[in-house]
Amino acid sequence: MSLSLCEELVGIKNLWKQETLEEKMNPYSTLLISFHVEECGTYQAVRFLHQMIAENCLKVLISKHNLKLSEITTNLLHCSQLYKSGMGKDILIQSILSMLITRQRKELGDDKDTLFSPLIEEMPLAESKEVLTLATKRFDKNATVPQALARHFYLKEKDFISALQWAQDARQKEYNSYIADTLGQVYKSHLKFMFETEQENELTPEDLEKCLQSAVKATMAFRDSQDLAKKDEQMDFLDQPIKKSQRTYNTSGYVGEMDVAMIIFDVLEKIFRTLD
């Protein structure tokens, strides 16, 4: 974050700089480093020397001060000073968003694949839901936070009504191939859940109609994802000269549509097996 914001957060308010951040943070100032950032001008910023130092400071807050990870994150989201206009605001907000929503992926060099960001995965179920819900209010124009909350509801709680509401909220804010895929995943997961819960029972015409309706909605969303992925690829190609790295082509819409077809095959197989 910017040095001026950090000074404000730790209580340095004098106009003549009679007290410095180094003096205020002593003897822990050696854990920090200041540097210059060029973003719409030049400003001085401050951060921890290394990620491991930040991680261990977090462990101290949790173990010695009896703070939950969700409480620390909630305080971060409630701190209005972090989100006001000022130098470095965009980078800081992007870092906070990344902590909340960026999943680990082996294909990108991470050690493992995760369903949610490492921060969210460290929290108990109810607390992670509360944090993501609060984040949707803090970042009320951002589509990826309600998208993550939709994933929480259909993956963790099997609450498909809430999942659909948040997926549609994300869609209204930004409709790209990944948001479309999440919407399709909600319908597909509901379809799979309905089929699996009725495995021991005979499917009624009403059950079949619900399954087919979910299958149609899922397929439409996955086909939207396929079409939007093609547009994303075209935009990446046009922007290629100014991009440092290109995104991978999003194939999840194709995989999702095939998954839906396989579930419907299982549904039909059960019906025909019952008739025999």
Foldseek 3Di string as FASTA:
>chain_A
DFLVLVCVVLPNDDPVCPDHPPNSCPPCSVQKDWDWDDDVHIGIHMDGPDPVVVVVVVVCCCPVVVDDLLNVLVVVLPPVSQCDDDPPNVVSVVVNVCQWAPFDDVVVPDPHTDLGHPSLVVDPLVSSLVSLVSVCVSPVLALRSLLSNLSSCCPPPVNLVSSLVSLVSSCVNPDALVSLLSNLVSLLSNLLVLCVVCVVDDQDPVSVVSNVVSLVSSLVSLVSSVVRLVVLVVVCVVCVVVDPDGDDRDPSSVVSNVSSVVSVVVVVVSNVVVVD
